């Protein structure tokens, strides 16, 4: 039970980090979401099948709230002309993926593939990135994604298709430019 909950929180943190883009903001999102989960749900419900999509929806909503708050704060800073050129995000540091073998060539190839995907994901719209992450990284069903995103079940497949097409286009652009080995 506890391992299941830890895995769930780790997965939800990755979603929050991908939405808000900053580890500190993702941590704050997770604290807010955990507070809601602890006050709105009983501990016995944590293992229920409905809990995971509900919790991810809370995390997503809190992450969007954080983005809005950050956007408002940024607009205020720009309007006041107090901070210029200090709003550039830090370079994201990717962790090397786990390799099934310890061969350096395999590790390098996997790291380069992950880097290409991370760059392409960062280049597509937030809504496209979000639905790809929910389906392909977090393995939610179409019905669960519909619940998390508050959209119709039929919309999930079409949005996911467009998101994957967008990701594919970005990956092809990166391959043409050769910008994936920086």
Protein backbone atom coordinates (compact mmCIF):
# COMPACT_ATOMS: atom_id res chain seq x y z
CA UNK A 1 0.00 0.00 0.00
CA UNK A 2 2.69 2.48 1.00
CA UNK A 3 4.86 1.63 -2.07
CA UNK A 4 1.81 2.08 -4.29
CA UNK A 5 1.19 5.51 -2.79
CA UNK A 6 4.87 6.50 -3.16
CA UNK A 7 4.85 5.43 -6.83
CA UNK A 8 1.63 7.36 -7.39
CA UNK A 9 3.07 10.52 -5.83
CA UNK A 10 6.31 10.19 -7.84
CA UNK A 11 4.35 9.82 -11.08
CA UNK A 12 2.13 12.77 -10.19
CA UNK A 13 5.21 14.86 -9.37
CA UNK A 14 6.63 14.15 -12.83
CA UNK A 15 3.36 15.32 -14.37
CA UNK A 16 3.41 18.50 -12.27
CA UNK A 17 7.06 19.15 -13.16
CA UNK A 18 6.31 18.73 -16.85
CA UNK A 19 3.40 21.14 -16.66
CA UNK A 20 4.95 23.89 -14.53
CA UNK A 21 8.51 23.44 -15.72
CA UNK A 22 10.22 24.16 -12.40
CA UNK A 23 11.01 21.57 -9.70
CA UNK A 24 10.24 23.97 -6.84
CA UNK A 25 6.87 24.86 -8.32
CA UNK A 26 6.10 21.17 -8.89
CA UNK A 27 6.94 20.47 -5.25
CA UNK A 28 4.51 23.19 -4.15
CA UNK A 29 1.85 21.76 -6.46
CA UNK A 30 2.32 18.35 -4.91
CA UNK A 31 2.01 19.76 -1.40
CA UNK A 32 -1.27 21.44 -2.33
CA UNK A 33 -2.57 18.28 -4.03
CA UNK A 34 -1.55 16.07 -1.09
CA UNK A 35 -3.32 18.41 1.32
CA UNK A 36 -6.50 18.14 -0.73
CA UNK A 37 -6.17 14.35 -0.95
CA UNK A 38 -5.67 14.04 2.79
CA UNK A 39 -8.64 16.26 3.62
CA UNK A 40 -11.07 15.04 0.93
CA UNK A 41 -10.37 11.31 0.84
CA UNK A 42 -10.12 8.55 3.41
CA UNK A 43 -6.91 6.53 3.59
CA UNK A 44 -8.83 3.41 2.58
CA UNK A 45 -9.70 5.06 -0.75
CA UNK A 46 -6.04 5.51 -1.78
CA UNK A 47 -5.94 2.03 -3.31
CA UNK A 48 -9.23 2.45 -5.20
CA UNK A 49 -9.05 2.50 -8.98
CA UNK A 50 -10.82 5.88 -9.04
CA UNK A 51 -8.28 7.54 -6.75
CA UNK A 52 -5.39 7.75 -9.24
CA UNK A 53 -7.29 9.64 -11.97
CA UNK A 54 -8.88 11.88 -9.32
CA UNK A 55 -5.50 12.66 -7.77
CA UNK A 56 -3.91 13.37 -11.16
CA UNK A 57 -6.80 15.72 -11.94
CA UNK A 58 -6.13 17.57 -8.67
CA UNK A 59 -2.41 17.73 -9.51
CA UNK A 60 -3.14 18.97 -13.02
CA UNK A 61 -5.52 21.66 -11.78
CA UNK A 62 -3.06 22.82 -9.12
CA UNK A 63 -0.28 22.91 -11.72
CA UNK A 64 -2.41 25.04 -14.04
CA UNK A 65 -3.21 27.34 -11.11
CA UNK A 66 0.53 27.64 -10.44
CA UNK A 67 1.20 28.46 -14.12
CA UNK A 68 -1.47 31.15 -14.02
CA UNK A 69 -0.01 32.63 -10.84
CA UNK A 70 3.46 32.57 -12.36
CA UNK A 71 2.15 34.22 -15.55
CA UNK A 72 0.46 36.99 -13.59
CA UNK A 73 3.59 37.57 -11.53
CA UNK A 74 5.71 37.64 -14.67
CA UNK A 75 3.41 40.17 -16.33
CA UNK A 76 3.62 42.38 -13.24
CA UNK A 77 7.40 42.18 -13.30
CA UNK A 78 7.53 43.07 -16.96
CA UNK A 79 5.09 45.94 -16.49
CA UNK A 80 7.24 47.37 -13.71
CA UNK A 81 10.39 46.90 -15.81
CA UNK A 82 12.22 45.74 -12.69
CA UNK A 83 13.60 42.50 -14.04
CA UNK A 84 14.80 42.15 -17.59
CA UNK A 85 16.23 38.98 -19.07
CA UNK A 86 16.17 37.22 -15.69
CA UNK A 87 13.15 35.11 -16.58
CA UNK A 88 15.04 32.49 -18.54
CA UNK A 89 14.49 29.00 -17.17
CA UNK A 90 17.49 26.97 -16.08
CA UNK A 91 18.61 24.28 -18.46
CA UNK A 92 16.79 21.05 -17.72
CA UNK A 93 19.09 18.28 -16.62
CA UNK A 94 17.95 14.87 -17.80
CA UNK A 95 18.70 11.77 -15.86
CA UNK A 96 20.16 9.00 -17.94
CA UNK A 97 17.60 6.29 -18.62
CA UNK A 98 18.08 2.83 -17.21
CA UNK A 99 19.79 0.55 -19.65
CA UNK A 100 19.28 -3.17 -19.83
CA UNK A 101 23.00 -3.52 -20.43
CA UNK A 102 25.97 -1.62 -19.10
CA UNK A 103 27.43 -0.98 -22.51
CA UNK A 104 28.41 2.67 -22.99
CA UNK A 105 27.09 2.76 -26.55
CA UNK A 106 23.64 1.64 -25.36
CA UNK A 107 23.63 4.22 -22.56
CA UNK A 108 24.67 6.99 -24.96
CA UNK A 109 22.05 6.01 -27.52
CA UNK A 110 19.30 5.93 -24.90
CA UNK A 111 20.41 9.26 -23.45
CA UNK A 112 20.39 10.86 -26.90
CA UNK A 113 16.93 9.47 -27.64
CA UNK A 114 15.62 10.79 -24.34
CA UNK A 115 17.20 14.18 -25.04
CA UNK A 116 15.54 14.36 -28.46
CA UNK A 117 12.15 13.46 -27.00
CA UNK A 118 12.55 15.95 -24.13
CA UNK A 119 13.45 18.74 -26.57
CA UNK A 120 10.54 17.88 -28.85
CA UNK A 121 8.11 17.69 -25.92
CA UNK A 122 9.27 21.10 -24.75
CA UNK A 123 8.59 22.48 -28.23
CA UNK A 124 4.96 21.41 -28.53
CA UNK A 125 1.99 23.11 -26.91
CA UNK A 126 1.22 22.50 -23.25
CA UNK A 127 -2.08 20.78 -24.07
CA UNK A 128 -0.36 18.41 -26.51
CA UNK A 129 2.46 17.70 -24.06
CA UNK A 130 -0.03 17.08 -21.26
CA UNK A 131 -2.11 14.47 -23.10
CA UNK A 132 1.00 12.62 -24.33
CA UNK A 133 2.38 12.51 -20.80
CA UNK A 134 -0.89 11.22 -19.38
CA UNK A 135 -1.21 8.43 -21.96
CA UNK A 136 2.33 7.43 -22.85
CA UNK A 137 4.24 8.19 -19.65
CA UNK A 138 1.61 7.62 -16.99
CA UNK A 139 -0.37 4.95 -18.87
CA UNK A 140 -3.86 6.28 -18.17
CA UNK A 141 -6.79 4.85 -20.11
CA UNK A 142 -8.75 7.08 -22.47
CA UNK A 143 -11.62 7.26 -19.98
CA UNK A 144 -9.27 8.28 -17.18
CA UNK A 145 -7.66 10.96 -19.36
CA UNK A 146 -11.11 12.27 -20.24
CA UNK A 147 -11.89 12.53 -16.54
CA UNK A 148 -8.57 14.22 -15.69
CA UNK A 149 -8.84 16.75 -18.52
CA UNK A 150 -12.63 17.16 -18.14
CA UNK A 151 -13.29 16.43 -21.82
CA UNK A 152 -15.49 13.95 -23.66
CA UNK A 153 -14.15 10.41 -24.10
CA UNK A 154 -14.25 10.77 -27.88
CA UNK A 155 -12.07 13.85 -27.77
CA UNK A 156 -9.19 12.04 -26.11
CA UNK A 157 -8.23 9.93 -29.12
CA UNK A 158 -8.38 12.82 -31.58
CA UNK A 159 -6.39 15.13 -29.28
CA UNK A 160 -3.85 12.41 -28.64
CA UNK A 161 -3.50 11.81 -32.38
CA UNK A 162 -2.90 15.52 -33.03
CA UNK A 163 -0.47 15.71 -30.13
CA UNK A 164 1.54 12.76 -31.42
CA UNK A 165 1.58 14.26 -34.91
CA UNK A 166 2.90 17.49 -33.42
CA UNK A 167 5.57 15.60 -31.48
CA UNK A 168 6.55 13.68 -34.61
CA UNK A 169 6.89 16.95 -36.54
CA UNK A 170 9.12 18.42 -33.83
CA UNK A 171 11.27 15.28 -33.74
CA UNK A 172 11.72 15.47 -37.52
CA UNK A 173 12.68 19.16 -37.27
CA UNK A 174 15.26 18.36 -34.62
CA UNK A 175 16.68 15.54 -36.73
CA UNK A 176 16.95 17.83 -39.76
CA UNK A 177 18.67 20.57 -37.78
CA UNK A 178 20.86 18.15 -35.88
CA UNK A 179 20.00 19.98 -32.63
CA UNK A 180 19.65 16.96 -30.43
CA UNK A 181 23.25 16.33 -29.45
CA UNK A 182 24.02 19.58 -27.68
